[in-house]
Amino acid sequence: MYGITLRATQMAGGITVVAAMAIAGVVYWMSRKRPSPDELERDRRDALVQKGRIIDGTVLDISELSPEESSRPLGMQLILYQYDVAGVTYECSQDVTLLQHVVDIHKIRLSFPSSVRYDPHNPGNSLIVAENWSGLRDTANSIPLHPLRRANARQAIV
């Protein structure tokens, strides 16, 4: 009889411990800090810069939305671009509002070639600018010409 009471007490103690752990887990899950949408976007950009493949693309357009149009206090600045992966053309836009310290959308040359980083497992997940990487180019040449050759090319045009 004494053994049955001891087992029941041990079982009750085990159930109490499991219940306490479950309650602690729920409290932690409810109170933990969730990343903001801006933090999630920064993490996405970091992951693409680290593991994304680079492919040629083209800047199509820029778009600047007012705070009223975008329902965001800072408004929204977008770069629209396209690229081809495995015969499929992707047309994307990237919100660069928080990257104004990296890129000025008013200085971007439209219809210029660019480099795009994309996720090989999800080619629609891409970017053209990040905090520490930019696929935007200043010239239509992907490889800048040597200064002497550039001067000779200008003299040939004149």
Protein backbone atom coordinates (compact mmCIF):
# COMPACT_ATOMS: atom_id res chain seq x y z
CA MET A 1 0.00 0.00 0.00
CA TYR A 2 2.84 2.34 0.86
CA GLY A 3 4.44 1.76 -2.62
CA ILE A 4 1.25 2.81 -4.42
CA THR A 5 1.04 6.07 -2.45
CA LEU A 6 4.72 6.82 -3.16
CA ARG A 7 4.21 6.24 -6.90
CA ALA A 8 1.13 8.47 -6.94
CA THR A 9 3.10 11.21 -5.17
CA GLN A 10 5.98 10.88 -7.65
CA MET A 11 3.54 10.94 -10.57
CA ALA A 12 1.83 14.06 -9.20
CA GLY A 13 5.23 15.71 -8.76
CA GLY A 14 6.20 14.81 -12.34
CA ILE A 15 2.95 16.20 -13.70
CA THR A 16 3.48 19.39 -11.70
CA VAL A 17 6.99 19.81 -13.14
CA VAL A 18 5.76 19.22 -16.71
CA ALA A 19 2.89 21.67 -16.22
CA ALA A 20 5.25 24.30 -14.79
CA MET A 21 7.60 23.88 -17.76
CA ALA A 22 4.70 24.18 -20.19
CA ILE A 23 3.47 27.36 -18.49
CA ALA A 24 7.01 28.81 -18.52
CA GLY A 25 7.29 28.00 -22.24
CA VAL A 26 3.99 29.72 -23.01
CA VAL A 27 4.97 32.79 -20.95
CA TYR A 28 8.31 32.99 -22.79
CA TRP A 29 6.65 32.59 -26.20
CA MET A 30 4.11 35.31 -25.44
CA SER A 31 6.64 37.79 -24.00
CA ARG A 32 9.58 37.33 -26.35
CA LYS A 33 10.57 40.23 -28.61
CA ARG A 34 9.43 39.64 -32.15
CA PRO A 35 11.49 41.17 -34.95
CA SER A 36 9.95 44.19 -36.66
CA PRO A 37 9.22 44.09 -40.40
CA ASP A 38 12.27 46.31 -40.98
CA GLU A 39 14.49 43.86 -39.06
CA LEU A 40 13.08 40.93 -41.06
CA GLU A 41 13.80 42.80 -44.32
CA ARG A 42 17.37 43.57 -43.20
CA ASP A 43 17.88 39.89 -42.37
CA ARG A 44 16.54 38.93 -45.83
CA ARG A 45 18.97 41.36 -47.50
CA ASP A 46 21.89 40.05 -45.42
CA ALA A 47 21.04 36.45 -46.34
CA LEU A 48 20.87 37.29 -50.06
CA VAL A 49 24.18 39.17 -49.93
CA GLN A 50 25.82 36.20 -48.19
CA LYS A 51 24.32 33.30 -50.19
CA GLY A 52 22.57 34.75 -53.23
CA ARG A 53 23.72 34.26 -56.79
CA ILE A 54 24.51 37.23 -58.99
CA ILE A 55 22.91 37.64 -62.40
CA ASP A 56 22.59 40.46 -64.94
CA GLY A 57 19.47 42.56 -64.79
CA THR A 58 18.10 45.88 -65.99
CA VAL A 59 16.78 48.85 -64.04
CA LEU A 60 13.32 49.58 -65.44
CA ASP A 61 12.06 52.52 -63.42
CA ILE A 62 11.97 54.25 -60.06
CA SER A 63 8.89 55.18 -58.11
CA GLU A 64 8.48 57.54 -55.19
CA LEU A 65 5.25 57.33 -53.20
CA SER A 66 4.10 59.98 -50.76
CA PRO A 67 3.23 59.12 -47.14
CA GLU A 68 -0.47 59.27 -48.04
CA GLU A 69 -0.07 56.90 -51.00
CA SER A 70 2.08 54.40 -49.14
CA SER A 71 0.47 54.64 -45.68
CA ARG A 72 3.97 54.93 -44.24
CA PRO A 73 5.31 58.00 -42.42
CA LEU A 74 8.44 58.28 -44.61
CA GLY A 75 6.69 57.46 -47.86
CA MET A 76 8.24 54.81 -50.10
CA GLN A 77 11.02 54.77 -52.67
CA LEU A 78 11.08 51.82 -55.06
CA ILE A 79 13.51 50.58 -57.69
CA LEU A 80 11.85 48.45 -60.36
CA TYR A 81 14.10 45.99 -62.18
CA GLN A 82 14.02 42.77 -64.19
CA TYR A 83 16.23 39.74 -64.69
CA ASP A 84 16.05 36.33 -66.34
CA VAL A 85 16.66 33.02 -64.57
CA ALA A 86 16.34 29.73 -66.47
CA GLY A 87 14.25 31.31 -69.22
CA VAL A 88 11.83 33.02 -66.84
CA THR A 89 11.74 36.82 -66.70
CA TYR A 90 11.21 38.28 -63.24
CA GLU A 91 10.07 41.88 -62.78
CA CYS A 92 10.57 43.00 -59.20
CA SER A 93 10.68 46.10 -57.08
CA GLN A 94 12.75 46.79 -54.01
CA ASP A 95 11.81 49.26 -51.32
CA VAL A 96 14.95 51.32 -50.70
CA THR A 97 13.39 53.90 -48.36
CA LEU A 98 15.60 52.79 -45.45
CA LEU A 99 18.66 52.61 -47.73
CA GLN A 100 18.74 56.32 -48.64
CA HIS A 101 22.22 56.54 -47.11
CA VAL A 102 23.37 53.98 -49.70
CA VAL A 103 21.47 54.96 -52.85
CA ASP A 104 19.85 58.11 -54.22
CA ILE A 105 17.07 56.93 -56.52
CA HIS A 106 17.13 60.20 -58.45
CA LYS A 107 20.67 59.45 -59.67
CA ILE A 108 19.87 55.95 -60.93
CA ARG A 109 20.16 55.57 -64.69
CA LEU A 110 17.09 53.86 -66.13
CA SER A 111 17.43 51.05 -68.69
CA PHE A 112 21.02 50.52 -67.55
CA PRO A 113 22.38 47.05 -66.91
CA SER A 114 22.75 46.06 -63.28
CA SER A 115 23.59 43.09 -61.14
CA VAL A 116 20.88 41.33 -59.17
CA ARG A 117 21.33 38.92 -56.28
CA TYR A 118 18.69 36.21 -56.06
CA ASP A 119 17.95 33.10 -54.04
CA PRO A 120 18.60 30.06 -56.28
CA HIS A 121 15.88 28.11 -54.45
CA ASN A 122 13.37 30.96 -54.88
CA PRO A 123 14.42 33.13 -57.85
CA GLY A 124 11.67 35.66 -57.15
CA ASN A 125 13.44 36.57 -53.91
CA SER A 126 16.02 39.11 -55.05
CA LEU A 127 17.58 42.50 -54.44
CA ILE A 128 19.49 45.13 -56.32
CA VAL A 129 20.83 47.16 -53.34
CA ALA A 130 21.79 46.29 -49.75
CA GLU A 131 23.71 48.03 -46.97
CA ASN A 132 27.05 46.58 -48.07
CA TRP A 133 26.40 45.64 -51.71
CA SER A 134 25.02 47.38 -54.78
CA GLY A 135 24.26 46.00 -58.21
CA LEU A 136 23.71 49.47 -59.67
CA ARG A 137 26.30 50.61 -62.18
CA ASP A 138 27.55 54.04 -63.20
CA THR A 139 28.32 53.00 -66.76
CA ALA A 140 26.78 50.66 -69.30
CA ASN A 141 30.06 48.68 -69.30
CA SER A 142 30.28 46.06 -66.60
CA ILE A 143 34.08 46.43 -66.67
CA PRO A 144 35.28 50.05 -66.59
CA LEU A 145 37.57 51.03 -69.42
CA HIS A 146 41.17 51.89 -68.68
CA PRO A 147 41.55 55.73 -68.48
CA LEU A 148 43.93 55.81 -71.49
CA ARG A 149 41.56 53.75 -73.65
CA ARG A 150 38.64 55.94 -72.55
CA ALA A 151 40.56 59.08 -73.65
CA ASN A 152 41.37 57.45 -77.02
CA ALA A 153 37.72 56.48 -77.46
CA ARG A 154 36.64 60.09 -76.82
CA GLN A 155 39.17 61.41 -79.37
CA ALA A 156 37.91 58.91 -81.95
CA ILE A 157 34.34 60.17 -81.49
CA VAL A 158 35.36 63.82 -81.96
